[in-house]
C-alpha atoms as a PDB file:
ATOM      1  CA  MET A   1     -16.754   6.462 -23.531  1.00  0.00           C
ATOM      2  CA  GLN A   2     -13.815   7.092 -21.034  1.00  0.00           C
ATOM      3  CA  SER A   3     -12.172   9.644 -23.451  1.00  0.00           C
ATOM      4  CA  LEU A   4     -15.475  11.167 -24.249  1.00  0.00           C
ATOM      5  CA  TYR A   5     -16.137  12.958 -20.963  1.00  0.00           C
ATOM      6  CA  PRO A   6     -13.145  15.368 -21.300  1.00  0.00           C
ATOM      7  CA  VAL A   7     -14.436  16.287 -24.848  1.00  0.00           C
ATOM      8  CA  LEU A   8     -17.949  16.948 -23.491  1.00  0.00           C
ATOM      9  CA  SER A   9     -16.375  19.060 -20.705  1.00  0.00           C
ATOM     10  CA  ALA A  10     -14.438  21.027 -23.181  1.00  0.00           C
ATOM     11  CA  LEU A  11     -17.501  21.514 -25.473  1.00  0.00           C
ATOM     12  CA  GLY A  12     -19.495  22.573 -22.333  1.00  0.00           C
ATOM     13  CA  VAL A  13     -16.886  25.306 -21.403  1.00  0.00           C
ATOM     14  CA  GLY A  14     -16.783  26.368 -25.028  1.00  0.00           C
ATOM     15  CA  VAL A  15     -20.391  26.726 -25.256  1.00  0.00           C
ATOM     16  CA  ALA A  16     -20.664  28.664 -22.115  1.00  0.00           C
ATOM     17  CA  VAL A  17     -18.048  31.100 -23.129  1.00  0.00           C
ATOM     18  CA  ALA A  18     -19.672  31.626 -26.515  1.00  0.00           C
ATOM     19  CA  LEU A  19     -23.097  32.310 -24.882  1.00  0.00           C
ATOM     20  CA  VAL A  20     -21.478  34.807 -22.419  1.00  0.00           C
ATOM     21  CA  ALA A  21     -19.862  36.637 -25.354  1.00  0.00           C
ATOM     22  CA  GLN A  22     -23.127  36.657 -27.283  1.00  0.00           C
ATOM     23  CA  PHE A  23     -25.201  38.073 -24.396  1.00  0.00           C
ATOM     24  CA  THR A  24     -22.670  40.587 -23.121  1.00  0.00           C
ATOM     25  CA  LYS A  25     -21.975  42.504 -26.355  1.00  0.00           C
ATOM     26  CA  GLY A  26     -22.895  45.739 -24.607  1.00  0.00           C
ATOM     27  CA  ARG A  27     -20.370  45.480 -21.953  1.00  0.00           C
ATOM     28  CA  SER A  28     -16.623  46.538 -21.944  1.00  0.00           C
ATOM     29  CA  VAL A  29     -13.950  44.083 -23.181  1.00  0.00           C
ATOM     30  CA  THR A  30     -12.548  43.619 -19.825  1.00  0.00           C
ATOM     31  CA  GLY A  31     -16.013  42.838 -18.317  1.00  0.00           C
ATOM     32  CA  ARG A  32     -16.778  40.323 -21.023  1.00  0.00           C
ATOM     33  CA  ILE A  33     -13.383  38.651 -20.407  1.00  0.00           C
ATOM     34  CA  VAL A  34     -14.034  38.429 -16.702  1.00  0.00           C
ATOM     35  CA  LEU A  35     -17.617  37.076 -17.234  1.00  0.00           C
ATOM     36  CA  GLY A  36     -16.323  34.572 -19.724  1.00  0.00           C
ATOM     37  CA  PHE A  37     -13.606  33.417 -17.390  1.00  0.00           C
ATOM     38  CA  VAL A  38     -16.188  33.062 -14.576  1.00  0.00           C
ATOM     39  CA  ALA A  39     -18.479  31.091 -16.807  1.00  0.00           C
ATOM     40  CA  ALA A  40     -15.659  28.849 -17.873  1.00  0.00           C
ATOM     41  CA  LEU A  41     -14.693  28.062 -14.367  1.00  0.00           C
ATOM     42  CA  ALA A  42     -18.236  27.405 -13.298  1.00  0.00           C
ATOM     43  CA  VAL A  43     -19.017  25.044 -15.966  1.00  0.00           C
ATOM     44  CA  GLY A  44     -15.721  23.484 -15.731  1.00  0.00           C
ATOM     45  CA  ALA A  45     -16.329  22.833 -12.041  1.00  0.00           C
ATOM     46  CA  GLY A  46     -19.841  21.648 -12.717  1.00  0.00           C
ATOM     47  CA  PHE A  47     -18.595  18.976 -15.155  1.00  0.00           C
ATOM     48  CA  ALA A  48     -15.808  17.882 -12.758  1.00  0.00           C
ATOM     49  CA  VAL A  49     -18.322  17.381  -9.778  1.00  0.00           C
ATOM     50  CA  ALA A  50     -20.714  15.580 -12.152  1.00  0.00           C
ATOM     51  CA  ARG A  51     -17.935  13.305 -13.609  1.00  0.00           C
ATOM     52  CA  PRO A  52     -18.170  10.518 -10.770  1.00  0.00           C
ATOM     53  CA  GLN A  53     -21.875  10.223 -11.373  1.00  0.00           C
ATOM     54  CA  PHE A  54     -21.416  10.160 -14.996  1.00  0.00           C
ATOM     55  CA  GLU A  55     -18.730   7.447 -14.870  1.00  0.00           C
ATOM     56  CA  ALA A  56     -20.880   5.389 -12.419  1.00  0.00           C
ATOM     57  CA  PHE A  57     -23.934   5.672 -14.804  1.00  0.00           C
ATOM     58  CA  ALA A  58     -21.684   4.546 -17.724  1.00  0.00           C
ATOM     59  CA  PHE A  59     -19.995   1.715 -15.714  1.00  0.00           C
ATOM     60  CA  GLU A  60     -23.481   0.138 -14.894  1.00  0.00           C
ATOM     61  CA  ARG A  61     -24.708   0.399 -18.491  1.00  0.00           C
ATOM     62  CA  SER A  62     -21.800  -0.135 -20.770  1.00  0.00           C
ATOM     63  CA  ASP A  63     -19.757  -3.332 -20.740  1.00  0.00           C
ATOM     64  CA  ASP A  64     -17.084  -1.867 -22.930  1.00  0.00           C
ATOM     65  CA  TYR A  65     -16.602   1.208 -20.813  1.00  0.00           C
ATOM     66  CA  ALA A  66     -16.630  -0.809 -17.550  1.00  0.00           C
ATOM     67  CA  TRP A  67     -14.158  -3.211 -18.905  1.00  0.00           C
ATOM     68  CA  SER A  68     -11.956  -0.547 -20.096  1.00  0.00           C
ATOM     69  CA  ILE A  69     -11.720   0.814 -16.508  1.00  0.00           C
ATOM     70  CA  VAL A  70     -11.233  -2.565 -14.907  1.00  0.00           C
ATOM     71  CA  ARG A  71      -8.723  -3.714 -17.470  1.00  0.00           C
ATOM     72  CA  GLY A  72      -6.708  -0.567 -17.226  1.00  0.00           C
ATOM     73  CA  ARG A  73      -6.549  -0.783 -13.466  1.00  0.00           C
ATOM     74  CA  MET A  74      -5.645  -4.560 -13.392  1.00  0.00           C
ATOM     75  CA  ILE A  75      -2.831  -4.052 -16.060  1.00  0.00           C
ATOM     76  CA  ALA A  76      -1.428  -0.979 -14.219  1.00  0.00           C
ATOM     77  CA  GLN A  77      -1.101  -3.283 -11.172  1.00  0.00           C
ATOM     78  CA  ASP A  78       0.190  -6.389 -13.139  1.00  0.00           C
ATOM     79  CA  PRO A  79       1.512  -5.586 -16.616  1.00  0.00           C
ATOM     80  CA  VAL A  80       2.009  -9.333 -17.244  1.00  0.00           C
ATOM     81  CA  LEU A  81      -1.679  -9.627 -17.870  1.00  0.00           C
ATOM     82  CA  LEU A  82      -1.069  -8.159 -21.287  1.00  0.00           C
ATOM     83  CA  ASP A  83       0.957 -11.288 -22.282  1.00  0.00           C
ATOM     84  CA  VAL A  84      -1.639 -13.555 -20.709  1.00  0.00           C
ATOM     85  CA  PHE A  85      -4.493 -11.786 -22.772  1.00  0.00           C
ATOM     86  CA  ALA A  86      -2.283 -12.139 -25.851  1.00  0.00           C
ATOM     87  CA  LEU A  87      -2.128 -15.956 -25.432  1.00  0.00           C
ATOM     88  CA  ASP A  88      -5.837 -16.411 -26.530  1.00  0.00           C
ATOM     89  CA  PRO A  89      -8.693 -13.829 -26.791  1.00  0.00           C
ATOM     90  CA  ALA A  90     -10.962 -16.278 -24.837  1.00  0.00           C
ATOM     91  CA  ILE A  91      -8.852 -15.658 -21.759  1.00  0.00           C
ATOM     92  CA  GLU A  92      -9.831 -11.974 -21.562  1.00  0.00           C
ATOM     93  CA  THR A  93     -13.339 -12.697 -22.678  1.00  0.00           C
ATOM     94  CA  ASP A  94     -13.841 -15.198 -19.791  1.00  0.00           C
ATOM     95  CA  LEU A  95     -12.242 -12.928 -17.240  1.00  0.00           C
ATOM     96  CA  ARG A  96     -14.440 -10.042 -18.306  1.00  0.00           C
ATOM     97  CA  LYS A  97     -17.592 -12.179 -18.161  1.00  0.00           C
ATOM     98  CA  GLY A  98     -16.621 -13.339 -14.702  1.00  0.00           C
ATOM     99  CA  LEU A  99     -15.539  -9.964 -13.176  1.00  0.00           C
ATOM    100  CA  LEU A 100     -18.113  -7.323 -14.443  1.00  0.00           C
ATOM    101  CA  PRO A 101     -21.102  -8.783 -12.567  1.00  0.00           C
ATOM    102  CA  ILE A 102     -19.033  -9.078  -9.348  1.00  0.00           C
ATOM    103  CA  LEU A 103     -17.884  -5.363  -9.615  1.00  0.00           C
ATOM    104  CA  ARG A 104     -21.373  -4.219 -10.355  1.00  0.00           C
ATOM    105  CA  GLU A 105     -22.895  -6.154  -7.532  1.00  0.00           C
ATOM    106  CA  GLN A 106     -20.481  -5.154  -4.912  1.00  0.00           C
ATOM    107  CA  HIS A 107     -20.502  -1.337  -5.620  1.00  0.00           C
ATOM    108  CA  SER A 108     -17.096  -1.061  -3.862  1.00  0.00           C
ATOM    109  CA  GLY A 109     -13.604   0.270  -5.008  1.00  0.00           C
ATOM    110  CA  MET A 110     -11.091  -2.052  -6.681  1.00  0.00           C
ATOM    111  CA  ASN A 111      -9.014  -1.608  -3.554  1.00  0.00           C
ATOM    112  CA  ASP A 112     -11.607  -2.753  -1.101  1.00  0.00           C
ATOM    113  CA  PRO A 113     -10.335  -6.188   0.527  1.00  0.00           C
ATOM    114  CA  ALA A 114     -13.623  -7.907  -0.263  1.00  0.00           C
ATOM    115  CA  MET A 115     -13.531  -6.714  -3.809  1.00  0.00           C
ATOM    116  CA  LEU A 116      -9.912  -7.921  -4.242  1.00  0.00           C
ATOM    117  CA  GLN A 117     -10.722 -11.442  -3.041  1.00  0.00           C
ATOM    118  CA  ALA A 118     -13.712 -11.762  -5.311  1.00  0.00           C
ATOM    119  CA  VAL A 119     -11.434 -10.511  -8.103  1.00  0.00           C
ATOM    120  CA  ALA A 120      -8.757 -12.901  -7.305  1.00  0.00           C
ATOM    121  CA  LYS A 121     -11.143 -15.860  -7.154  1.00  0.00           C
ATOM    122  CA  ALA A 122     -12.582 -15.001 -10.490  1.00  0.00           C
ATOM    123  CA  ALA A 123      -9.125 -14.633 -12.061  1.00  0.00           C
ATOM    124  CA  ALA A 124      -8.160 -17.961 -10.503  1.00  0.00           C
ATOM    125  CA  ALA A 125     -11.182 -19.690 -12.106  1.00  0.00           C
ATOM    126  CA  THR A 126     -10.220 -18.148 -15.547  1.00  0.00           C
ATOM    127  CA  PHE A 127      -6.681 -19.408 -15.214  1.00  0.00           C
ATOM    128  CA  ARG A 128      -7.866 -22.957 -14.151  1.00  0.00           C
ATOM    129  CA  SER A 129     -10.223 -23.173 -17.106  1.00  0.00           C
ATOM    130  CA  LYS A 130      -8.321 -21.257 -19.851  1.00  0.00           C
ATOM    131  CA  VAL A 131      -4.627 -21.262 -19.130  1.00  0.00           C
ATOM    132  CA  MET A 132      -3.749 -24.269 -17.088  1.00  0.00           C
ATOM    133  CA  PRO A 133      -5.056 -26.922 -19.343  1.00  0.00           C
ATOM    134  CA  VAL A 134      -2.598 -25.657 -22.133  1.00  0.00           C
ATOM    135  CA  ALA A 135       0.364 -24.761 -19.824  1.00  0.00           C
ATOM    136  CA  GLN A 136       0.309 -28.222 -18.300  1.00  0.00           C
ATOM    137  CA  ARG A 137       1.567 -29.516 -21.599  1.00  0.00           C
ATOM    138  CA  GLY A 138       4.530 -27.240 -21.618  1.00  0.00           C
ATOM    139  CA  SER A 139       8.129 -28.407 -21.900  1.00  0.00           C
ATOM    140  CA  ASP A 140       9.726 -29.848 -18.801  1.00  0.00           C
ATOM    141  CA  ASP A 141      11.918 -26.857 -18.366  1.00  0.00           C
ATOM    142  CA  ALA A 142       9.062 -24.384 -18.634  1.00  0.00           C
ATOM    143  CA  VAL A 143       6.837 -26.352 -16.311  1.00  0.00           C
ATOM    144  CA  ALA A 144       9.594 -26.828 -13.748  1.00  0.00           C
ATOM    145  CA  ALA A 145      10.418 -23.127 -14.000  1.00  0.00           C
ATOM    146  CA  TRP A 146       6.821 -22.251 -13.080  1.00  0.00           C
ATOM    147  CA  GLY A 147       6.970 -24.650 -10.091  1.00  0.00           C
ATOM    148  CA  ASP A 148      10.262 -23.307  -8.901  1.00  0.00           C
ATOM    149  CA  ARG A 149       8.599 -19.991  -8.236  1.00  0.00           C
ATOM    150  CA  THR A 150       6.376 -21.516  -5.547  1.00  0.00           C
ATOM    151  CA  VAL A 151       8.729 -21.444  -2.548  1.00  0.00           C
ATOM    152  CA  ALA A 152       9.585 -17.687  -3.229  1.00  0.00           C
ATOM    153  CA  THR A 153       5.838 -16.884  -3.529  1.00  0.00           C
ATOM    154  CA  LEU A 154       4.954 -18.691  -0.405  1.00  0.00           C
ATOM    155  CA  GLN A 155       7.777 -16.958   1.420  1.00  0.00           C
ATOM    156  CA  ALA A 156       6.323 -13.588   0.221  1.00  0.00           C
ATOM    157  CA  PHE A 157       2.881 -14.533   1.621  1.00  0.00           C
ATOM    158  CA  ARG A 158       4.524 -15.729   5.037  1.00  0.00           C
ATOM    159  CA  ALA A 159       6.150 -12.387   5.249  1.00  0.00           C
ATOM    160  CA  VAL A 160       2.624 -11.012   5.462  1.00  0.00           C
ATOM    161  CA  SER A 161       1.474 -13.661   7.793  1.00  0.00           C
ATOM    162  CA  ASP A 162       1.260 -17.360   8.492  1.00  0.00           C
ATOM    163  CA  GLU A 163      -2.520 -17.050   7.598  1.00  0.00           C
ATOM    164  CA  ALA A 164      -1.840 -15.515   4.261  1.00  0.00           C
ATOM    165  CA  CYS A 165       0.915 -18.163   3.361  1.00  0.00           C
ATOM    166  CA  ALA A 166      -1.465 -21.102   4.389  1.00  0.00           C
ATOM    167  CA  ASP A 167      -4.424 -19.480   2.580  1.00  0.00           C
ATOM    168  CA  TYR A 168      -2.590 -19.179  -0.677  1.00  0.00           C
ATOM    169  CA  ALA A 169      -0.882 -22.642  -0.209  1.00  0.00           C
ATOM    170  CA  MET A 170      -4.241 -24.338   0.320  1.00  0.00           C
ATOM    171  CA  THR A 171      -6.344 -22.524  -2.312  1.00  0.00           C
ATOM    172  CA  GLY A 172      -4.014 -20.807  -4.789  1.00  0.00           C
ATOM    173  CA  VAL A 173      -6.065 -17.571  -4.165  1.00  0.00           C
ATOM    174  CA  ASN A 174      -4.566 -14.319  -3.073  1.00  0.00           C
ATOM    175  CA  ARG A 175      -6.768 -12.857  -0.298  1.00  0.00           C
ATOM    176  CA  THR A 176      -4.199 -10.297   0.982  1.00  0.00           C
ATOM    177  CA  SER A 177      -4.251  -6.491   0.410  1.00  0.00           C
ATOM    178  CA  PRO A 178      -1.898  -5.203  -2.209  1.00  0.00           C
ATOM    179  CA  ASN A 179       1.683  -5.964  -1.253  1.00  0.00           C
ATOM    180  CA  LEU A 180       4.776  -5.204  -3.286  1.00  0.00           C
ATOM    181  CA  ARG A 181       6.634  -8.472  -2.516  1.00  0.00           C
ATOM    182  CA  VAL A 182       3.527 -10.558  -3.062  1.00  0.00           C
ATOM    183  CA  ASP A 183       2.660  -8.835  -6.211  1.00  0.00           C
ATOM    184  CA  ALA A 184       6.203  -9.375  -7.573  1.00  0.00           C
ATOM    185  CA  ALA A 185       6.227 -13.051  -6.713  1.00  0.00           C
ATOM    186  CA  LEU A 186       2.811 -13.634  -8.283  1.00  0.00           C
ATOM    187  CA  SER A 187       3.837 -11.814 -11.538  1.00  0.00           C
ATOM    188  CA  ALA A 188       6.932 -13.816 -11.679  1.00  0.00           C
ATOM    189  CA  ARG A 189       4.815 -16.934 -11.556  1.00  0.00           C
ATOM    190  CA  GLN A 190       2.521 -15.543 -14.286  1.00  0.00           C
ATOM    191  CA  ARG A 191       5.382 -14.880 -16.466  1.00  0.00           C
ATOM    192  CA  ALA A 192       6.614 -18.466 -16.025  1.00  0.00           C
ATOM    193  CA  MET A 193       3.017 -19.838 -16.802  1.00  0.00           C
ATOM    194  CA  VAL A 194       2.976 -17.630 -19.931  1.00  0.00           C
ATOM    195  CA  ALA A 195       6.218 -19.317 -20.881  1.00  0.00           C
ATOM    196  CA  ALA A 196       4.850 -22.871 -20.194  1.00  0.00           C
ATOM    197  CA  TYR A 197       1.752 -22.058 -22.227  1.00  0.00           C
ATOM    198  CA  LYS A 198       3.835 -20.932 -25.316  1.00  0.00           C
ATOM    199  CA  SER A 199       5.906 -24.169 -25.019  1.00  0.00           C
ATOM    200  CA  SER A 200       2.875 -26.340 -24.893  1.00  0.00           C
ATOM    201  CA  ASP A 201       3.094 -29.555 -26.944  1.00  0.00           C
ATOM    202  CA  PRO A 202       0.425 -32.323 -26.989  1.00  0.00           C
ATOM    203  CA  GLY A 203       3.225 -34.873 -26.817  1.00  0.00           C
ATOM    204  CA  ASN A 204       3.847 -33.649 -23.229  1.00  0.00           C
ATOM    205  CA  LYS A 205       1.832 -36.088 -21.176  1.00  0.00           C
ATOM    206  CA  LEU A 206       0.677 -36.170 -17.649  1.00  0.00           C
ATOM    207  CA  PRO A 207       2.812 -38.747 -15.494  1.00  0.00           C
ATOM    208  CA  THR A 208       1.201 -42.129 -14.582  1.00  0.00           C
ATOM    209  CA  ALA A 209       0.206 -42.574 -11.106  1.00  0.00           C
ATOM    210  CA  GLU A 210       3.272 -44.815 -10.526  1.00  0.00           C
ATOM    211  CA  GLU A 211       5.565 -42.204 -11.955  1.00  0.00           C
ATOM    212  CA  LEU A 212       4.043 -39.489  -9.802  1.00  0.00           C
ATOM    213  CA  GLY A 213       4.104 -41.603  -6.607  1.00  0.00           C
ATOM    214  CA  ALA A 214       7.744 -42.332  -7.160  1.00  0.00           C
ATOM    215  CA  ALA A 215       8.518 -38.631  -7.619  1.00  0.00           C
ATOM    216  CA  TYR A 216       6.771 -37.817  -4.435  1.00  0.00           C
ATOM    217  CA  GLU A 217       8.454 -40.423  -2.709  1.00  0.00           C
ATOM    218  CA  GLN A 218      11.804 -39.169  -3.825  1.00  0.00           C
ATOM    219  CA  ALA A 219      11.019 -35.553  -2.939  1.00  0.00           C
ATOM    220  CA  ARG A 220      10.113 -36.802   0.700  1.00  0.00           C
ATOM    221  CA  THR A 221      13.573 -37.935   1.178  1.00  0.00           C
ATOM    222  CA  LEU A 222      14.908 -34.599   0.048  1.00  0.00           C
ATOM    223  CA  ALA A 223      13.028 -32.420   2.598  1.00  0.00           C
ATOM    224  CA  GLN A 224      14.984 -30.095   4.836  1.00  0.00           C
ATOM    225  CA  PRO A 225      14.608 -30.577   7.621  1.00  0.00           C
ATOM    226  CA  PRO A 226      13.516 -34.334   6.912  1.00  0.00           C
ATOM    227  CA  PHE A 227       9.839 -35.205   7.117  1.00  0.00           C
ATOM    228  CA  GLU A 228       9.045 -37.207  10.322  1.00  0.00           C
ATOM    229  CA  GLU A 229       6.192 -39.570  10.896  1.00  0.00           C
ATOM    230  CA  ALA A 230       4.408 -36.699  12.668  1.00  0.00           C
ATOM    231  CA  ASP A 231       4.739 -34.545   9.507  1.00  0.00           C
ATOM    232  CA  MET A 232       3.350 -37.324   7.310  1.00  0.00           C
ATOM    233  CA  ALA A 233       0.450 -37.656   9.539  1.00  0.00           C
ATOM    234  CA  ALA A 234      -0.186 -33.855   9.371  1.00  0.00           C
ATOM    235  CA  PHE A 235      -0.143 -34.085   5.561  1.00  0.00           C
ATOM    236  CA  ARG A 236      -3.022 -36.674   5.751  1.00  0.00           C
ATOM    237  CA  ASP A 237      -5.116 -34.168   7.749  1.00  0.00           C
ATOM    238  CA  LEU A 238      -3.552 -30.898   6.239  1.00  0.00           C
ATOM    239  CA  LYS A 239      -6.750 -28.894   6.101  1.00  0.00           C
ATOM    240  CA  ASP A 240      -7.371 -29.108   9.839  1.00  0.00           C
ATOM    241  CA  GLN A 241      -3.837 -28.088  10.837  1.00  0.00           C
ATOM    242  CA  PRO A 242      -3.080 -24.651  12.300  1.00  0.00           C
ATOM    243  CA  LYS A 243      -2.208 -22.134   9.653  1.00  0.00           C
ATOM    244  CA  ALA A 244       1.411 -21.728  10.654  1.00  0.00           C
ATOM    245  CA  ARG A 245       1.799 -25.614  10.406  1.00  0.00           C
ATOM    246  CA  GLN A 246       0.225 -25.605   7.002  1.00  0.00           C
ATOM    247  CA  CYS A 247       2.546 -22.873   5.789  1.00  0.00           C
ATOM    248  CA  ASP A 248       5.699 -24.781   7.113  1.00  0.00           C
ATOM    249  CA  LEU A 249       4.679 -28.159   5.606  1.00  0.00           C
ATOM    250  CA  MET A 250       4.050 -26.608   2.209  1.00  0.00           C
ATOM    251  CA  LEU A 251       7.206 -24.711   2.106  1.00  0.00           C
ATOM    252  CA  ARG A 252       9.286 -27.863   3.089  1.00  0.00           C
ATOM    253  CA  LEU A 253       7.451 -30.000   0.466  1.00  0.00           C
ATOM    254  CA  PHE A 254       7.904 -27.511  -2.385  1.00  0.00           C
ATOM    255  CA  GLY A 255      11.588 -26.970  -1.208  1.00  0.00           C
ATOM    256  CA  ALA A 256      11.992 -30.755  -1.390  1.00  0.00           C
ATOM    257  CA  ILE A 257      10.339 -30.813  -4.948  1.00  0.00           C
ATOM    258  CA  ASP A 258      12.680 -28.189  -6.181  1.00  0.00           C
ATOM    259  CA  ARG A 259      15.587 -30.482  -5.320  1.00  0.00           C
ATOM    260  CA  LEU A 260      14.350 -33.242  -7.691  1.00  0.00           C
ATOM    261  CA  PRO A 261      15.747 -33.948 -11.071  1.00  0.00           C
ATOM    262  CA  LEU A 262      14.090 -32.082 -13.865  1.00  0.00           C
ATOM    263  CA  LYS A 263      11.882 -34.913 -15.147  1.00  0.00           C
ATOM    264  CA  GLN A 264      10.468 -35.772 -11.803  1.00  0.00           C
ATOM    265  CA  LYS A 265      10.034 -32.197 -10.768  1.00  0.00           C
ATOM    266  CA  ALA A 266       8.196 -31.496 -13.920  1.00  0.00           C
ATOM    267  CA  ALA A 267       5.914 -34.539 -13.563  1.00  0.00           C
ATOM    268  CA  ILE A 268       4.841 -33.122 -10.070  1.00  0.00           C
ATOM    269  CA  TYR A 269       4.278 -29.652 -11.216  1.00  0.00           C
ATOM    270  CA  ARG A 270       2.481 -30.718 -14.423  1.00  0.00           C
ATOM    271  CA  THR A 271      -0.023 -32.494 -12.281  1.00  0.00           C
ATOM    272  CA  ILE A 272      -0.359 -29.730  -9.988  1.00  0.00           C
ATOM    273  CA  MET A 273      -1.346 -27.535 -13.035  1.00  0.00           C
ATOM    274  CA  ALA A 274      -3.750 -30.273 -14.328  1.00  0.00           C
ATOM    275  CA  ASN A 275      -5.565 -30.277 -10.772  1.00  0.00           C
ATOM    276  CA  GLY A 276      -5.772 -26.426 -10.793  1.00  0.00           C
END
């Protein structure tokens, strides 16, 4: 339907010109040309003015049309989504089902901050339900490569604000307005997740509680600067810490995880994927 409107516009202009030609046969050639030109401009302008109303009407009533608009804008902002959708048709179906009711209910543009947050939340839910359960079974190399993107991503959010960094670190949801550095970091994480998904093998199991605990304990010793007792106490009450403190602690934690040997690093990031 998106490509239909220009066709309708062209037909409307053509019909208008044809009618002018039909009803001005007694006029001079120059007069007929002028009237035809004026009619074409008038009808074309009318269709241009009416187009937003036509598209709004179609958006509300046609799921296929609405999704073509939303999908196009999302992919223009993040082309990696094409690779994500190619993994499994159910991913796009689930995202479409989650997003269209939100977009229709909000009646605001895709660049509206509230809309962006709602879209990010719905997308995160789809990733948790459709992508993470498969990606968590990826190879150690692929899972670790996904996790290795975490520090760069948090640093990108921190460049926006401590609040943005803390929000993403605590929820995994992007609540910031469009930002080139943040968008690039998130795209890199998505590419790494696609690679983990593609390398999935049922034989790649989650670590045991003992293995996971040992990996975290080893990571604690690698933190820079080292974690002190006050830091460990803050971790136990992390959600109530100031935003800047949350951001700093999470950056130091993921920096320490990145220094682990591959097996231990993958064990932690595999578990993070499993917990969404």
